[in-house]
Amino acid sequence: MTLSLFDQFMSPFLLGIPLIIIALTLPWSLFPTATHRWLNNRVLTLQGWFINRFTQQLLLPLSTAGHKWAVLLVSLMMYLITLNMLGLLPYTFTPTTQLSLNLALAVPLWLATVITGMRNQPTHALGHLLPEGTPTPLIPALIIIETISLFIRPLALGVRLTANLTAGHLLIQLTSTATFVLLPLMPAVAISTGALLFLLTLLEIAVAMIQAYVFVLLLSLYLQENV
């Protein structure tokens, strides 16, 4: 039973070829492309409105130097939302439940923010390791603690996204299994469990979008400290 629960998080293979490559490239083909017409259709209009609103909220606390990251952060946001939402469909694989993939996204982007700060304003970037007004005996310990917290940031980004999506998928699978098992035995209980499954699915849709937003938002906060 334990193995069957976690089988859904294993990367699928077909003829020895990992299908995670297809799962990672499929979202880009689903985005509607811009046209040369004066009036766009409703999907393009809604997509443009969403991207504009999100970009405004994301770049609001950033300085002008951080606006160069707008395209990267918005693209990452759309990509993660699409991956998370596609993973909620039946018989699909969610790449963002893999910690290795999330760390592969988090570590380079976090490292880029740190390198940007060290290159543009090294004194200010190193100043985050020692808060102002720290007593002299606590300086070595605080530097070590702040350094550890700095290097834990990409790990926290990857683990947060992985844990939330994995927990949601497990809850949906457990609830759906209970619904099918109880249906011939106790139909009334099965109907109530099915209603719970529907509400849980709505919650997981919200979690899929919120976690993608939180991932990008934290990256923008890390960028804010270094620009």
C-alpha atoms as a PDB file:
ATOM      1  CA  MET A   1       0.000   0.000   0.000  1.00  0.00           C
ATOM      2  CA  THR A   2       2.864   2.339   0.877  1.00  0.00           C
ATOM      3  CA  LEU A   3       4.555   1.743  -2.453  1.00  0.00           C
ATOM      4  CA  SER A   4       1.349   2.314  -4.427  1.00  0.00           C
ATOM      5  CA  LEU A   5       0.832   5.680  -2.750  1.00  0.00           C
ATOM      6  CA  PHE A   6       4.214   7.001  -3.824  1.00  0.00           C
ATOM      7  CA  ASP A   7       4.320   5.378  -7.266  1.00  0.00           C
ATOM      8  CA  GLN A   8       2.662   8.477  -8.701  1.00  0.00           C
ATOM      9  CA  PHE A   9       5.765  10.522  -7.865  1.00  0.00           C
ATOM     10  CA  MET A  10       8.143   8.269  -9.821  1.00  0.00           C
ATOM     11  CA  SER A  11       9.352   9.647 -13.136  1.00  0.00           C
ATOM     12  CA  PRO A  12       7.670   7.618 -15.923  1.00  0.00           C
ATOM     13  CA  PHE A  13       9.698   5.924 -18.658  1.00  0.00           C
ATOM     14  CA  LEU A  14       8.737   4.701 -22.121  1.00  0.00           C
ATOM     15  CA  LEU A  15      11.188   2.453 -23.950  1.00  0.00           C
ATOM     16  CA  GLY A  16      13.919   3.664 -21.609  1.00  0.00           C
ATOM     17  CA  ILE A  17      13.190   7.331 -22.399  1.00  0.00           C
ATOM     18  CA  PRO A  18      12.283   9.545 -19.396  1.00  0.00           C
ATOM     19  CA  LEU A  19       8.918  11.163 -20.074  1.00  0.00           C
ATOM     20  CA  ILE A  20       9.698  13.982 -17.648  1.00  0.00           C
ATOM     21  CA  ILE A  21      11.315  15.751 -20.614  1.00  0.00           C
ATOM     22  CA  ILE A  22       7.939  15.835 -22.390  1.00  0.00           C
ATOM     23  CA  ALA A  23       6.228  16.943 -19.173  1.00  0.00           C
ATOM     24  CA  LEU A  24       8.669  19.850 -18.862  1.00  0.00           C
ATOM     25  CA  THR A  25       8.351  21.013 -22.468  1.00  0.00           C
ATOM     26  CA  LEU A  26       4.573  20.583 -22.840  1.00  0.00           C
ATOM     27  CA  PRO A  27       3.514  23.734 -20.909  1.00  0.00           C
ATOM     28  CA  TRP A  28       5.288  26.050 -23.355  1.00  0.00           C
ATOM     29  CA  SER A  29       3.190  24.698 -26.223  1.00  0.00           C
ATOM     30  CA  LEU A  30      -0.061  25.417 -24.357  1.00  0.00           C
ATOM     31  CA  PHE A  31       0.472  29.171 -24.004  1.00  0.00           C
ATOM     32  CA  PRO A  32      -1.416  31.163 -26.648  1.00  0.00           C
ATOM     33  CA  THR A  33       0.889  33.176 -28.870  1.00  0.00           C
ATOM     34  CA  ALA A  34       0.402  36.828 -29.681  1.00  0.00           C
ATOM     35  CA  THR A  35      -1.054  37.788 -33.074  1.00  0.00           C
ATOM     36  CA  HIS A  36      -0.681  40.841 -35.315  1.00  0.00           C
ATOM     37  CA  ARG A  37      -4.379  41.669 -35.119  1.00  0.00           C
ATOM     38  CA  TRP A  38      -5.563  44.884 -33.541  1.00  0.00           C
ATOM     39  CA  LEU A  39      -7.996  43.030 -31.295  1.00  0.00           C
ATOM     40  CA  ASN A  40      -6.958  39.852 -29.492  1.00  0.00           C
ATOM     41  CA  ASN A  41      -9.242  37.037 -28.431  1.00  0.00           C
ATOM     42  CA  ARG A  42     -10.458  36.636 -24.857  1.00  0.00           C
ATOM     43  CA  VAL A  43      -7.722  34.190 -23.860  1.00  0.00           C
ATOM     44  CA  LEU A  44      -4.928  36.515 -24.959  1.00  0.00           C
ATOM     45  CA  THR A  45      -6.629  39.486 -23.319  1.00  0.00           C
ATOM     46  CA  LEU A  46      -7.015  37.615 -20.026  1.00  0.00           C
ATOM     47  CA  GLN A  47      -3.439  36.371 -20.196  1.00  0.00           C
ATOM     48  CA  GLY A  48      -2.118  39.873 -20.864  1.00  0.00           C
ATOM     49  CA  TRP A  49      -4.163  41.346 -18.012  1.00  0.00           C
ATOM     50  CA  PHE A  50      -2.918  38.696 -15.589  1.00  0.00           C
ATOM     51  CA  ILE A  51       0.724  39.162 -16.597  1.00  0.00           C
ATOM     52  CA  ASN A  52       0.470  42.948 -16.307  1.00  0.00           C
ATOM     53  CA  ARG A  53      -1.122  42.802 -12.860  1.00  0.00           C
ATOM     54  CA  PHE A  54       1.368  40.256 -11.596  1.00  0.00           C
ATOM     55  CA  THR A  55       4.324  42.209 -12.989  1.00  0.00           C
ATOM     56  CA  GLN A  56       3.136  45.386 -11.283  1.00  0.00           C
ATOM     57  CA  GLN A  57       2.775  43.649  -7.921  1.00  0.00           C
ATOM     58  CA  LEU A  58       6.099  41.859  -8.302  1.00  0.00           C
ATOM     59  CA  LEU A  59       8.168  44.879  -9.291  1.00  0.00           C
ATOM     60  CA  LEU A  60       6.538  47.288  -6.831  1.00  0.00           C
ATOM     61  CA  PRO A  61       9.131  46.841  -4.038  1.00  0.00           C
ATOM     62  CA  LEU A  62      12.073  46.476  -6.436  1.00  0.00           C
ATOM     63  CA  SER A  63      14.342  49.265  -7.589  1.00  0.00           C
ATOM     64  CA  THR A  64      14.862  50.089 -11.245  1.00  0.00           C
ATOM     65  CA  ALA A  65      17.863  47.750 -11.442  1.00  0.00           C
ATOM     66  CA  GLY A  66      15.660  44.813 -10.442  1.00  0.00           C
ATOM     67  CA  HIS A  67      13.215  45.428 -13.292  1.00  0.00           C
ATOM     68  CA  LYS A  68      15.598  43.590 -15.618  1.00  0.00           C
ATOM     69  CA  TRP A  69      14.449  40.371 -13.971  1.00  0.00           C
ATOM     70  CA  ALA A  70      10.782  40.932 -14.860  1.00  0.00           C
ATOM     71  CA  VAL A  71      10.694  38.668 -17.905  1.00  0.00           C
ATOM     72  CA  LEU A  72      12.503  35.848 -16.111  1.00  0.00           C
ATOM     73  CA  LEU A  73      10.349  35.964 -12.980  1.00  0.00           C
ATOM     74  CA  VAL A  74       7.029  36.265 -14.826  1.00  0.00           C
ATOM     75  CA  SER A  75       7.970  33.430 -17.201  1.00  0.00           C
ATOM     76  CA  LEU A  76       8.942  31.254 -14.245  1.00  0.00           C
ATOM     77  CA  MET A  77       5.638  32.066 -12.552  1.00  0.00           C
ATOM     78  CA  MET A  78       3.577  31.063 -15.597  1.00  0.00           C
ATOM     79  CA  TYR A  79       5.685  27.939 -16.098  1.00  0.00           C
ATOM     80  CA  LEU A  80       5.279  26.730 -12.515  1.00  0.00           C
ATOM     81  CA  ILE A  81       1.544  27.418 -12.481  1.00  0.00           C
ATOM     82  CA  THR A  82       1.073  25.441 -15.689  1.00  0.00           C
ATOM     83  CA  LEU A  83       3.175  22.516 -14.424  1.00  0.00           C
ATOM     84  CA  ASN A  84       1.287  22.403 -11.125  1.00  0.00           C
ATOM     85  CA  MET A  85      -2.138  22.646 -12.766  1.00  0.00           C
ATOM     86  CA  LEU A  86      -1.390  19.980 -15.382  1.00  0.00           C
ATOM     87  CA  GLY A  87      -0.276  17.660 -12.595  1.00  0.00           C
ATOM     88  CA  LEU A  88      -3.793  17.729 -11.134  1.00  0.00           C
ATOM     89  CA  LEU A  89      -5.243  16.025 -14.215  1.00  0.00           C
ATOM     90  CA  PRO A  90      -5.827  12.262 -13.936  1.00  0.00           C
ATOM     91  CA  TYR A  91      -3.033   9.929 -15.091  1.00  0.00           C
ATOM     92  CA  THR A  92      -0.498  12.738 -15.337  1.00  0.00           C
ATOM     93  CA  PHE A  93       2.912  13.280 -13.794  1.00  0.00           C
ATOM     94  CA  THR A  94       3.795  16.405 -11.804  1.00  0.00           C
ATOM     95  CA  PRO A  95       7.474  17.317 -12.303  1.00  0.00           C
ATOM     96  CA  THR A  96       7.378  19.863  -9.476  1.00  0.00           C
ATOM     97  CA  THR A  97       6.903  17.050  -6.929  1.00  0.00           C
ATOM     98  CA  GLN A  98      10.543  16.150  -7.570  1.00  0.00           C
ATOM     99  CA  LEU A  99      12.902  17.856  -5.134  1.00  0.00           C
ATOM    100  CA  SER A 100      15.762  17.616  -7.631  1.00  0.00           C
ATOM    101  CA  LEU A 101      13.859  19.664 -10.220  1.00  0.00           C
ATOM    102  CA  ASN A 102      12.798  22.312  -7.707  1.00  0.00           C
ATOM    103  CA  LEU A 103      16.347  22.649  -6.419  1.00  0.00           C
ATOM    104  CA  ALA A 104      17.573  22.901 -10.001  1.00  0.00           C
ATOM    105  CA  LEU A 105      15.294  25.915 -10.392  1.00  0.00           C
ATOM    106  CA  ALA A 106      15.916  27.454  -6.956  1.00  0.00           C
ATOM    107  CA  VAL A 107      19.696  27.161  -6.559  1.00  0.00           C
ATOM    108  CA  PRO A 108      20.808  28.917  -9.801  1.00  0.00           C
ATOM    109  CA  LEU A 109      18.301  31.758  -9.381  1.00  0.00           C
ATOM    110  CA  TRP A 110      19.199  32.267  -5.712  1.00  0.00           C
ATOM    111  CA  LEU A 111      22.896  32.148  -6.590  1.00  0.00           C
ATOM    112  CA  ALA A 112      22.329  34.729  -9.330  1.00  0.00           C
ATOM    113  CA  THR A 113      20.775  37.126  -6.802  1.00  0.00           C
ATOM    114  CA  VAL A 114      23.703  36.636  -4.417  1.00  0.00           C
ATOM    115  CA  ILE A 115      26.275  37.164  -7.172  1.00  0.00           C
ATOM    116  CA  THR A 116      24.414  40.281  -8.305  1.00  0.00           C
ATOM    117  CA  GLY A 117      24.624  41.715  -4.791  1.00  0.00           C
ATOM    118  CA  MET A 118      28.294  40.811  -4.376  1.00  0.00           C
ATOM    119  CA  ARG A 119      29.123  42.391  -7.714  1.00  0.00           C
ATOM    120  CA  ASN A 120      27.122  45.624  -7.473  1.00  0.00           C
ATOM    121  CA  GLN A 121      27.264  46.426  -3.752  1.00  0.00           C
ATOM    122  CA  PRO A 122      29.496  43.980  -1.844  1.00  0.00           C
ATOM    123  CA  THR A 123      29.526  46.010   1.384  1.00  0.00           C
ATOM    124  CA  HIS A 124      25.740  46.119   1.582  1.00  0.00           C
ATOM    125  CA  ALA A 125      25.431  42.432   0.665  1.00  0.00           C
ATOM    126  CA  LEU A 126      27.921  41.348   3.325  1.00  0.00           C
ATOM    127  CA  GLY A 127      26.252  43.679   5.815  1.00  0.00           C
ATOM    128  CA  HIS A 128      23.230  41.336   5.923  1.00  0.00           C
ATOM    129  CA  LEU A 129      25.425  38.792   7.703  1.00  0.00           C
ATOM    130  CA  LEU A 130      25.826  41.083  10.730  1.00  0.00           C
ATOM    131  CA  PRO A 131      22.827  43.113  11.977  1.00  0.00           C
ATOM    132  CA  GLU A 132      23.549  46.637  13.135  1.00  0.00           C
ATOM    133  CA  GLY A 133      24.047  47.111  16.871  1.00  0.00           C
ATOM    134  CA  THR A 134      25.104  43.519  17.560  1.00  0.00           C
ATOM    135  CA  PRO A 135      27.068  43.100  20.822  1.00  0.00           C
ATOM    136  CA  THR A 136      30.731  42.262  20.243  1.00  0.00           C
ATOM    137  CA  PRO A 137      30.683  38.810  21.930  1.00  0.00           C
ATOM    138  CA  LEU A 138      27.798  37.704  19.683  1.00  0.00           C
ATOM    139  CA  ILE A 139      29.399  38.770  16.387  1.00  0.00           C
ATOM    140  CA  PRO A 140      31.071  35.394  15.498  1.00  0.00           C
ATOM    141  CA  ALA A 141      27.946  33.391  16.350  1.00  0.00           C
ATOM    142  CA  LEU A 142      25.619  35.710  14.421  1.00  0.00           C
ATOM    143  CA  ILE A 143      27.835  35.654  11.339  1.00  0.00           C
ATOM    144  CA  ILE A 144      27.727  31.843  11.352  1.00  0.00           C
ATOM    145  CA  ILE A 145      23.948  31.789  11.888  1.00  0.00           C
ATOM    146  CA  GLU A 146      23.256  34.346   9.137  1.00  0.00           C
ATOM    147  CA  THR A 147      25.569  32.504   6.740  1.00  0.00           C
ATOM    148  CA  ILE A 148      23.754  29.229   7.389  1.00  0.00           C
ATOM    149  CA  SER A 149      20.375  30.918   6.922  1.00  0.00           C
ATOM    150  CA  LEU A 150      21.620  32.387   3.648  1.00  0.00           C
ATOM    151  CA  PHE A 151      22.580  28.984   2.259  1.00  0.00           C
ATOM    152  CA  ILE A 152      19.351  27.378   3.496  1.00  0.00           C
ATOM    153  CA  ARG A 153      17.230  29.720   1.351  1.00  0.00           C
ATOM    154  CA  PRO A 154      17.344  27.696  -1.909  1.00  0.00           C
ATOM    155  CA  LEU A 155      16.759  24.482   0.036  1.00  0.00           C
ATOM    156  CA  ALA A 156      13.689  26.048   1.681  1.00  0.00           C
ATOM    157  CA  LEU A 157      12.379  27.158  -1.716  1.00  0.00           C
ATOM    158  CA  GLY A 158      12.644  23.667  -3.189  1.00  0.00           C
ATOM    159  CA  VAL A 159      11.384  21.785  -0.134  1.00  0.00           C
ATOM    160  CA  ARG A 160       8.373  24.116   0.312  1.00  0.00           C
ATOM    161  CA  LEU A 161       7.175  23.591  -3.244  1.00  0.00           C
ATOM    162  CA  THR A 162       7.820  19.840  -3.173  1.00  0.00           C
ATOM    163  CA  ALA A 163       6.207  19.234   0.226  1.00  0.00           C
ATOM    164  CA  ASN A 164       3.018  21.192  -0.474  1.00  0.00           C
ATOM    165  CA  LEU A 165       2.350  19.553  -3.827  1.00  0.00           C
ATOM    166  CA  THR A 166       3.262  16.064  -2.595  1.00  0.00           C
ATOM    167  CA  ALA A 167       0.992  16.368   0.445  1.00  0.00           C
ATOM    168  CA  GLY A 168      -1.902  17.569  -1.709  1.00  0.00           C
ATOM    169  CA  HIS A 169      -1.537  14.721  -4.191  1.00  0.00           C
ATOM    170  CA  LEU A 170      -1.382  12.163  -1.383  1.00  0.00           C
ATOM    171  CA  LEU A 171      -4.525  13.552   0.248  1.00  0.00           C
ATOM    172  CA  ILE A 172      -6.396  13.473  -3.054  1.00  0.00           C
ATOM    173  CA  GLN A 173      -5.338   9.877  -3.705  1.00  0.00           C
ATOM    174  CA  LEU A 174      -6.254   8.720  -0.197  1.00  0.00           C
ATOM    175  CA  THR A 175      -9.648  10.438  -0.328  1.00  0.00           C
ATOM    176  CA  SER A 176     -10.464   9.117  -3.802  1.00  0.00           C
ATOM    177  CA  THR A 177      -9.453   5.586  -2.792  1.00  0.00           C
ATOM    178  CA  ALA A 178     -11.688   5.799   0.270  1.00  0.00           C
ATOM    179  CA  THR A 179     -14.580   7.019  -1.884  1.00  0.00           C
ATOM    180  CA  PHE A 180     -14.363   4.067  -4.292  1.00  0.00           C
ATOM    181  CA  VAL A 181     -13.948   1.549  -1.469  1.00  0.00           C
ATOM    182  CA  LEU A 182     -16.912   2.899   0.526  1.00  0.00           C
ATOM    183  CA  LEU A 183     -19.251   3.316  -2.452  1.00  0.00           C
ATOM    184  CA  PRO A 184     -20.633  -0.286  -2.517  1.00  0.00           C
ATOM    185  CA  LEU A 185     -20.512  -0.622   1.289  1.00  0.00           C
ATOM    186  CA  MET A 186     -21.788   2.718   2.609  1.00  0.00           C
ATOM    187  CA  PRO A 187     -23.113   4.916  -0.208  1.00  0.00           C
ATOM    188  CA  ALA A 188     -24.046   7.817   2.076  1.00  0.00           C
ATOM    189  CA  VAL A 189     -20.556   7.988   3.557  1.00  0.00           C
ATOM    190  CA  ALA A 190     -19.064   7.621   0.071  1.00  0.00           C
ATOM    191  CA  ILE A 191     -21.092  10.599  -1.198  1.00  0.00           C
ATOM    192  CA  SER A 192     -19.886  12.766   1.691  1.00  0.00           C
ATOM    193  CA  THR A 193     -16.324  11.605   1.035  1.00  0.00           C
ATOM    194  CA  GLY A 194     -16.763  12.490  -2.635  1.00  0.00           C
ATOM    195  CA  ALA A 195     -17.894  15.983  -1.639  1.00  0.00           C
ATOM    196  CA  LEU A 196     -14.782  16.247   0.524  1.00  0.00           C
ATOM    197  CA  LEU A 197     -12.726  15.121  -2.454  1.00  0.00           C
ATOM    198  CA  PHE A 198     -14.233  17.879  -4.592  1.00  0.00           C
ATOM    199  CA  LEU A 199     -13.434  20.528  -1.982  1.00  0.00           C
ATOM    200  CA  LEU A 200      -9.944  19.104  -1.574  1.00  0.00           C
ATOM    201  CA  THR A 201      -9.413  19.335  -5.327  1.00  0.00           C
ATOM    202  CA  LEU A 202     -10.418  23.002  -5.282  1.00  0.00           C
ATOM    203  CA  LEU A 203      -8.009  23.563  -2.404  1.00  0.00           C
ATOM    204  CA  GLU A 204      -5.216  21.853  -4.300  1.00  0.00           C
ATOM    205  CA  ILE A 205      -5.859  24.060  -7.334  1.00  0.00           C
ATOM    206  CA  ALA A 206      -5.443  27.086  -5.096  1.00  0.00           C
ATOM    207  CA  VAL A 207      -2.295  25.597  -3.544  1.00  0.00           C
ATOM    208  CA  ALA A 208      -0.830  24.934  -6.989  1.00  0.00           C
ATOM    209  CA  MET A 209      -1.195  28.594  -7.941  1.00  0.00           C
ATOM    210  CA  ILE A 210      -0.227  30.006  -4.544  1.00  0.00           C
ATOM    211  CA  GLN A 211       2.945  27.937  -4.258  1.00  0.00           C
ATOM    212  CA  ALA A 212       4.119  29.069  -7.693  1.00  0.00           C
ATOM    213  CA  TYR A 213       3.467  32.663  -6.643  1.00  0.00           C
ATOM    214  CA  VAL A 214       5.290  32.192  -3.318  1.00  0.00           C
ATOM    215  CA  PHE A 215       8.292  30.651  -5.083  1.00  0.00           C
ATOM    216  CA  VAL A 216       8.670  33.661  -7.385  1.00  0.00           C
ATOM    217  CA  LEU A 217       7.797  36.163  -4.647  1.00  0.00           C
ATOM    218  CA  LEU A 218      10.560  34.890  -2.368  1.00  0.00           C
ATOM    219  CA  LEU A 219      13.026  35.060  -5.242  1.00  0.00           C
ATOM    220  CA  SER A 220      12.032  38.692  -5.814  1.00  0.00           C
ATOM    221  CA  LEU A 221      12.565  39.402  -2.093  1.00  0.00           C
ATOM    222  CA  TYR A 222      16.020  37.872  -2.282  1.00  0.00           C
ATOM    223  CA  LEU A 223      16.668  40.019  -5.317  1.00  0.00           C
ATOM    224  CA  GLN A 224      15.440  43.098  -3.485  1.00  0.00           C
ATOM    225  CA  GLU A 225      18.155  42.642  -0.858  1.00  0.00           C
ATOM    226  CA  ASN A 226      20.889  42.576  -3.486  1.00  0.00           C
ATOM    227  CA  VAL A 227      19.941  45.365  -5.930  1.00  0.00           C
END
